[in-house]
Amino acid sequence: ALSGLGFACAAVAARPLASSHSIFEFVSSPL
């Protein structure tokens, strides 16, 4: 269950990260 919470947080960060418009924006994002 704790592992699932960790993966859930990763998914929340990945959703807006996937909308990055460039490689530089993707790599430089703290997400």
PDB file of all heavy atoms in Angstrom:
ATOM      1  N   ALA A   1       0.829  -1.212   0.000  1.00  0.00           N
ATOM      2  CA  ALA A   1       0.000   0.000   0.000  1.00  0.00           C
ATOM      3  C   ALA A   1       0.863   1.262   0.000  1.00  0.00           C
ATOM      4  O   ALA A   1       0.573   2.229  -0.710  1.00  0.00           O
ATOM      5  CB  ALA A   1      -0.925  -0.008   1.215  1.00  0.00           C
ATOM      6  N   LEU A   2       1.935   1.257   0.804  1.00  0.00           N
ATOM      7  CA  LEU A   2       2.844   2.413   0.807  1.00  0.00           C
ATOM      8  C   LEU A   2       3.516   2.576  -0.556  1.00  0.00           C
ATOM      9  O   LEU A   2       3.711   3.700  -1.031  1.00  0.00           O
ATOM     10  CB  LEU A   2       3.908   2.230   1.894  1.00  0.00           C
ATOM     11  CG  LEU A   2       3.410   2.362   3.339  1.00  0.00           C
ATOM     12  CD1 LEU A   2       4.537   2.044   4.314  1.00  0.00           C
ATOM     13  CD2 LEU A   2       2.863   3.762   3.596  1.00  0.00           C
ATOM     14  N   SER A   3       3.851   1.456  -1.170  1.00  0.00           N
ATOM     15  CA  SER A   3       4.411   1.514  -2.512  1.00  0.00           C
ATOM     16  C   SER A   3       3.408   2.138  -3.486  1.00  0.00           C
ATOM     17  O   SER A   3       3.775   2.958  -4.343  1.00  0.00           O
ATOM     18  CB  SER A   3       4.791   0.108  -2.984  1.00  0.00           C
ATOM     19  OG  SER A   3       5.208   0.117  -4.329  1.00  0.00           O
ATOM     20  N   GLY A   4       2.137   1.771  -3.358  1.00  0.00           N
ATOM     21  CA  GLY A   4       1.101   2.349  -4.212  1.00  0.00           C
ATOM     22  C   GLY A   4       0.970   3.850  -4.038  1.00  0.00           C
ATOM     23  O   GLY A   4       0.788   4.587  -5.015  1.00  0.00           O
ATOM     24  N   LEU A   5       1.071   4.326  -2.795  1.00  0.00           N
ATOM     25  CA  LEU A   5       1.019   5.771  -2.565  1.00  0.00           C
ATOM     26  C   LEU A   5       2.191   6.473  -3.246  1.00  0.00           C
ATOM     27  O   LEU A   5       2.047   7.574  -3.790  1.00  0.00           O
ATOM     28  CB  LEU A   5       1.030   6.054  -1.061  1.00  0.00           C
ATOM     29  CG  LEU A   5      -0.225   5.631  -0.284  1.00  0.00           C
ATOM     30  CD1 LEU A   5      -0.033   5.889   1.205  1.00  0.00           C
ATOM     31  CD2 LEU A   5      -1.453   6.372  -0.798  1.00  0.00           C
ATOM     32  N   GLY A   6       3.366   5.821  -3.199  1.00  0.00           N
ATOM     33  CA  GLY A   6       4.522   6.399  -3.873  1.00  0.00           C
ATOM     34  C   GLY A   6       4.325   6.484  -5.378  1.00  0.00           C
ATOM     35  O   GLY A   6       4.630   7.511  -6.007  1.00  0.00           O
ATOM     36  N   PHE A   7       3.807   5.408  -5.957  1.00  0.00           N
ATOM     37  CA  PHE A   7       3.553   5.422  -7.395  1.00  0.00           C
ATOM     38  C   PHE A   7       2.431   6.410  -7.753  1.00  0.00           C
ATOM     39  O   PHE A   7       2.426   6.985  -8.848  1.00  0.00           O
ATOM     40  CB  PHE A   7       3.193   4.023  -7.884  1.00  0.00           C
ATOM     41  CG  PHE A   7       4.391   3.118  -8.025  1.00  0.00           C
ATOM     42  CD1 PHE A   7       4.435   1.898  -7.363  1.00  0.00           C
ATOM     43  CD2 PHE A   7       5.463   3.472  -8.821  1.00  0.00           C
ATOM     44  CE1 PHE A   7       5.537   1.065  -7.488  1.00  0.00           C
ATOM     45  CE2 PHE A   7       6.564   2.644  -8.964  1.00  0.00           C
ATOM     46  CZ  PHE A   7       6.611   1.430  -8.294  1.00  0.00           C
ATOM     47  N   ALA A   8       1.473   6.614  -6.845  1.00  0.00           N
ATOM     48  CA  ALA A   8       0.413   7.590  -7.085  1.00  0.00           C
ATOM     49  C   ALA A   8       0.988   9.003  -7.145  1.00  0.00           C
ATOM     50  O   ALA A   8       0.615   9.808  -8.011  1.00  0.00           O
ATOM     51  CB  ALA A   8      -0.647   7.496  -5.994  1.00  0.00           C
ATOM     52  N   CYS A   9       1.899   9.305  -6.225  1.00  0.00           N
ATOM     53  CA  CYS A   9       2.553  10.620  -6.254  1.00  0.00           C
ATOM     54  C   CYS A   9       3.363  10.785  -7.536  1.00  0.00           C
ATOM     55  O   CYS A   9       3.383  11.882  -8.127  1.00  0.00           O
ATOM     56  CB  CYS A   9       3.460  10.772  -5.035  1.00  0.00           C
ATOM     57  SG  CYS A   9       2.585  10.877  -3.457  1.00  0.00           S
ATOM     58  N   ALA A  10       4.028   9.730  -7.962  1.00  0.00           N
ATOM     59  CA  ALA A  10       4.777   9.787  -9.224  1.00  0.00           C
ATOM     60  C   ALA A  10       3.835  10.042 -10.399  1.00  0.00           C
ATOM     61  O   ALA A  10       4.169  10.790 -11.331  1.00  0.00           O
ATOM     62  CB  ALA A  10       5.561   8.489  -9.427  1.00  0.00           C
ATOM     63  N   ALA A  11       2.647   9.424 -10.366  1.00  0.00           N
ATOM     64  CA  ALA A  11       1.676   9.630 -11.443  1.00  0.00           C
ATOM     65  C   ALA A  11       1.156  11.062 -11.460  1.00  0.00           C
ATOM     66  O   ALA A  11       0.977  11.661 -12.535  1.00  0.00           O
ATOM     67  CB  ALA A  11       0.505   8.657 -11.272  1.00  0.00           C
ATOM     68  N   VAL A  12       0.923  11.634 -10.275  1.00  0.00           N
ATOM     69  CA  VAL A  12       0.454  13.021 -10.198  1.00  0.00           C
ATOM     70  C   VAL A  12       1.501  13.963 -10.776  1.00  0.00           C
ATOM     71  O   VAL A  12       1.176  14.916 -11.495  1.00  0.00           O
ATOM     72  CB  VAL A  12       0.135  13.388  -8.740  1.00  0.00           C
ATOM     73  CG1 VAL A  12      -0.112  14.886  -8.595  1.00  0.00           C
ATOM     74  CG2 VAL A  12      -1.087  12.605  -8.255  1.00  0.00           C
ATOM     75  N   ALA A  13       2.775  13.705 -10.472  1.00  0.00           N
ATOM     76  CA  ALA A  13       3.838  14.552 -11.024  1.00  0.00           C
ATOM     77  C   ALA A  13       4.019  14.322 -12.520  1.00  0.00           C
ATOM     78  O   ALA A  13       4.369  15.247 -13.263  1.00  0.00           O
ATOM     79  CB  ALA A  13       5.146  14.276 -10.285  1.00  0.00           C
ATOM     80  N   ALA A  14       3.780  13.090 -12.980  1.00  0.00           N
ATOM     81  CA  ALA A  14       4.012  12.759 -14.390  1.00  0.00           C
ATOM     82  C   ALA A  14       2.942  13.335 -15.310  1.00  0.00           C
ATOM     83  O   ALA A  14       3.225  13.590 -16.487  1.00  0.00           O
ATOM     84  CB  ALA A  14       4.070  11.240 -14.555  1.00  0.00           C
ATOM     85  N   ARG A  15       1.733  13.519 -14.821  1.00  0.00           N
ATOM     86  CA  ARG A  15       0.638  14.021 -15.681  1.00  0.00           C
ATOM     87  C   ARG A  15       0.951  15.408 -16.253  1.00  0.00           C
ATOM     88  O   ARG A  15       0.945  15.586 -17.470  1.00  0.00           O
ATOM     89  CB  ARG A  15      -0.664  14.028 -14.874  1.00  0.00           C
ATOM     90  CG  ARG A  15      -1.846  14.674 -15.580  1.00  0.00           C
ATOM     91  CD  ARG A  15      -2.619  13.672 -16.391  1.00  0.00           C
ATOM     92  NE  ARG A  15      -3.964  14.121 -16.687  1.00  0.00           N
ATOM     93  CZ  ARG A  15      -4.371  14.621 -17.856  1.00  0.00           C
ATOM     94  NH1 ARG A  15      -3.508  14.749 -18.855  1.00  0.00           N
ATOM     95  NH2 ARG A  15      -5.628  14.976 -18.033  1.00  0.00           N
ATOM     96  N   PRO A  16       1.277  16.424 -15.434  1.00  0.00           N
ATOM     97  CA  PRO A  16       1.662  17.718 -16.036  1.00  0.00           C
ATOM     98  C   PRO A  16       3.029  17.669 -16.699  1.00  0.00           C
ATOM     99  O   PRO A  16       3.281  18.417 -17.650  1.00  0.00           O
ATOM    100  CB  PRO A  16       1.645  18.682 -14.842  1.00  0.00           C
ATOM    101  CG  PRO A  16       1.797  17.821 -13.640  1.00  0.00           C
ATOM    102  CD  PRO A  16       1.155  16.517 -13.965  1.00  0.00           C
ATOM    103  N   LEU A  17       3.933  16.802 -16.205  1.00  0.00           N
ATOM    104  CA  LEU A  17       5.257  16.685 -16.826  1.00  0.00           C
ATOM    105  C   LEU A  17       5.140  16.218 -18.269  1.00  0.00           C
ATOM    106  O   LEU A  17       5.900  16.667 -19.136  1.00  0.00           O
ATOM    107  CB  LEU A  17       6.116  15.709 -16.020  1.00  0.00           C
ATOM    108  CG  LEU A  17       7.506  15.404 -16.574  1.00  0.00           C
ATOM    109  CD1 LEU A  17       8.385  16.656 -16.542  1.00  0.00           C
ATOM    110  CD2 LEU A  17       8.162  14.275 -15.777  1.00  0.00           C
ATOM    111  N   ALA A  18       4.191  15.318 -18.534  1.00  0.00           N
ATOM    112  CA  ALA A  18       4.024  14.796 -19.890  1.00  0.00           C
ATOM    113  C   ALA A  18       3.566  15.864 -20.876  1.00  0.00           C
ATOM    114  O   ALA A  18       3.672  15.672 -22.092  1.00  0.00           O
ATOM    115  CB  ALA A  18       3.018  13.643 -19.880  1.00  0.00           C
ATOM    116  N   SER A  19       3.077  16.991 -20.365  1.00  0.00           N
ATOM    117  CA  SER A  19       2.615  18.070 -21.245  1.00  0.00           C
ATOM    118  C   SER A  19       3.717  19.073 -21.576  1.00  0.00           C
ATOM    119  O   SER A  19       3.429  20.151 -22.118  1.00  0.00           O
ATOM    120  CB  SER A  19       1.436  18.803 -20.589  1.00  0.00           C
ATOM    121  OG  SER A  19       0.348  17.916 -20.373  1.00  0.00           O
ATOM    122  N   SER A  20       4.955  18.745 -21.244  1.00  0.00           N
ATOM    123  CA  SER A  20       6.072  19.638 -21.553  1.00  0.00           C
ATOM    124  C   SER A  20       6.171  19.850 -23.066  1.00  0.00           C
ATOM    125  O   SER A  20       5.949  18.921 -23.855  1.00  0.00           O
ATOM    126  CB  SER A  20       7.389  19.052 -21.021  1.00  0.00           C
ATOM    127  OG  SER A  20       7.332  18.872 -19.621  1.00  0.00           O
ATOM    128  N   HIS A  21       6.547  21.064 -23.456  1.00  0.00           N
ATOM    129  CA  HIS A  21       6.576  21.430 -24.875  1.00  0.00           C
ATOM    130  C   HIS A  21       7.943  21.240 -25.523  1.00  0.00           C
ATOM    131  O   HIS A  21       8.071  21.368 -26.745  1.00  0.00           O
ATOM    132  CB  HIS A  21       6.122  22.881 -25.045  1.00  0.00           C
ATOM    133  CG  HIS A  21       4.727  23.136 -24.554  1.00  0.00           C
ATOM    134  ND1 HIS A  21       3.607  22.625 -25.189  1.00  0.00           N
ATOM    135  CD2 HIS A  21       4.274  23.821 -23.474  1.00  0.00           C
ATOM    136  CE1 HIS A  21       2.515  23.006 -24.531  1.00  0.00           C
ATOM    137  NE2 HIS A  21       2.892  23.730 -23.491  1.00  0.00           N
ATOM    138  N   SER A  22       8.973  20.962 -24.718  1.00  0.00           N
ATOM    139  CA  SER A  22      10.313  20.768 -25.269  1.00  0.00           C
ATOM    140  C   SER A  22      11.110  19.845 -24.368  1.00  0.00           C
ATOM    141  O   SER A  22      10.757  19.628 -23.198  1.00  0.00           O
ATOM    142  CB  SER A  22      11.044  22.111 -25.419  1.00  0.00           C
ATOM    143  OG  SER A  22      11.263  22.692 -24.144  1.00  0.00           O
ATOM    144  N   ILE A  23      12.201  19.310 -24.905  1.00  0.00           N
ATOM    145  CA  ILE A  23      13.080  18.444 -24.124  1.00  0.00           C
ATOM    146  C   ILE A  23      13.692  19.215 -22.959  1.00  0.00           C
ATOM    147  O   ILE A  23      13.813  18.702 -21.843  1.00  0.00           O
ATOM    148  CB  ILE A  23      14.184  17.848 -25.015  1.00  0.00           C
ATOM    149  CG1 ILE A  23      13.567  16.944 -26.097  1.00  0.00           C
ATOM    150  CG2 ILE A  23      15.178  17.048 -24.165  1.00  0.00           C
ATOM    151  CD1 ILE A  23      12.850  15.742 -25.548  1.00  0.00           C
ATOM    152  N   PHE A  24      14.091  20.464 -23.209  1.00  0.00           N
ATOM    153  CA  PHE A  24      14.689  21.274 -22.145  1.00  0.00           C
ATOM    154  C   PHE A  24      13.696  21.491 -21.006  1.00  0.00           C
ATOM    155  O   PHE A  24      14.058  21.391 -19.826  1.00  0.00           O
ATOM    156  CB  PHE A  24      15.144  22.624 -22.706  1.00  0.00           C
ATOM    157  CG  PHE A  24      15.694  23.545 -21.651  1.00  0.00           C
ATOM    158  CD1 PHE A  24      16.983  23.366 -21.154  1.00  0.00           C
ATOM    159  CD2 PHE A  24      14.920  24.592 -21.144  1.00  0.00           C
ATOM    160  CE1 PHE A  24      17.486  24.213 -20.170  1.00  0.00           C
ATOM    161  CE2 PHE A  24      15.425  25.439 -20.169  1.00  0.00           C
ATOM    162  CZ  PHE A  24      16.708  25.242 -19.690  1.00  0.00           C
ATOM    163  N   GLU A  25      12.465  21.809 -21.344  1.00  0.00           N
ATOM    164  CA  GLU A  25      11.443  21.993 -20.304  1.00  0.00           C
ATOM    165  C   GLU A  25      11.207  20.704 -19.537  1.00  0.00           C
ATOM    166  O   GLU A  25      11.005  20.728 -18.314  1.00  0.00           O
ATOM    167  CB  GLU A  25      10.140  22.467 -20.952  1.00  0.00           C
ATOM    168  CG  GLU A  25       9.017  22.722 -19.957  1.00  0.00           C
ATOM    169  CD  GLU A  25       7.732  23.152 -20.624  1.00  0.00           C
ATOM    170  OE1 GLU A  25       7.749  23.386 -21.856  1.00  0.00           O
ATOM    171  OE2 GLU A  25       6.694  23.230 -19.936  1.00  0.00           O
ATOM    172  N   PHE A  26      11.260  19.568 -20.241  1.00  0.00           N
ATOM    173  CA  PHE A  26      11.052  18.265 -19.596  1.00  0.00           C
ATOM    174  C   PHE A  26      12.187  17.961 -18.616  1.00  0.00           C
ATOM    175  O   PHE A  26      11.948  17.553 -17.479  1.00  0.00           O
ATOM    176  CB  PHE A  26      10.961  17.185 -20.672  1.00  0.00           C
ATOM    177  CG  PHE A  26      10.716  15.801 -20.150  1.00  0.00           C
ATOM    178  CD1 PHE A  26       9.426  15.358 -19.902  1.00  0.00           C
ATOM    179  CD2 PHE A  26      11.774  14.935 -19.915  1.00  0.00           C
ATOM    180  CE1 PHE A  26       9.190  14.078 -19.416  1.00  0.00           C
ATOM    181  CE2 PHE A  26      11.551  13.653 -19.430  1.00  0.00           C
ATOM    182  CZ  PHE A  26      10.258  13.234 -19.189  1.00  0.00           C
ATOM    183  N   VAL A  27      13.447  18.148 -19.064  1.00  0.00           N
ATOM    184  CA  VAL A  27      14.606  17.786 -18.235  1.00  0.00           C
ATOM    185  C   VAL A  27      14.783  18.750 -17.069  1.00  0.00           C
ATOM    186  O   VAL A  27      15.202  18.351 -15.977  1.00  0.00           O
ATOM    187  CB  VAL A  27      15.878  17.738 -19.112  1.00  0.00           C
ATOM    188  CG1 VAL A  27      17.117  17.498 -18.260  1.00  0.00           C
ATOM    189  CG2 VAL A  27      15.753  16.656 -20.170  1.00  0.00           C
ATOM    190  N   SER A  28      14.482  20.024 -17.270  1.00  0.00           N
ATOM    191  CA  SER A  28      14.702  21.030 -16.224  1.00  0.00           C
ATOM    192  C   SER A  28      13.564  21.109 -15.212  1.00  0.00           C
ATOM    193  O   SER A  28      13.695  21.776 -14.181  1.00  0.00           O
ATOM    194  CB  SER A  28      14.901  22.406 -16.865  1.00  0.00           C
ATOM    195  OG  SER A  28      13.743  22.790 -17.601  1.00  0.00           O
ATOM    196  N   SER A  29      12.475  20.423 -15.467  1.00  0.00           N
ATOM    197  CA  SER A  29      11.331  20.493 -14.554  1.00  0.00           C
ATOM    198  C   SER A  29      11.615  19.711 -13.271  1.00  0.00           C
ATOM    199  O   SER A  29      12.084  18.565 -13.319  1.00  0.00           O
ATOM    200  CB  SER A  29      10.080  19.931 -15.236  1.00  0.00           C
ATOM    201  OG  SER A  29       9.005  19.873 -14.317  1.00  0.00           O
ATOM    202  N   PRO A  30      11.343  20.298 -12.101  1.00  0.00           N
ATOM    203  CA  PRO A  30      11.508  19.538 -10.839  1.00  0.00           C
ATOM    204  C   PRO A  30      10.553  18.349 -10.747  1.00  0.00           C
ATOM    205  O   PRO A  30      10.802  17.427  -9.975  1.00  0.00           O
ATOM    206  CB  PRO A  30      11.209  20.589  -9.763  1.00  0.00           C
ATOM    207  CG  PRO A  30      10.420  21.647 -10.450  1.00  0.00           C
ATOM    208  CD  PRO A  30      10.897  21.681 -11.855  1.00  0.00           C
ATOM    209  N   LEU A  31       9.489  18.367 -11.528  1.00  0.00           N
ATOM    210  CA  LEU A  31       8.558  17.243 -11.508  1.00  0.00           C
ATOM    211  C   LEU A  31       9.232  15.950 -11.974  1.00  0.00           C
ATOM    212  O   LEU A  31       8.898  14.868 -11.493  1.00  0.00           O
ATOM    213  CB  LEU A  31       7.348  17.554 -12.401  1.00  0.00           C
ATOM    214  CG  LEU A  31       6.421  18.669 -11.924  1.00  0.00           C
ATOM    215  CD1 LEU A  31       5.343  18.937 -12.970  1.00  0.00           C
ATOM    216  CD2 LEU A  31       5.788  18.303 -10.586  1.00  0.00           C
TER     217      LEU A  31
END
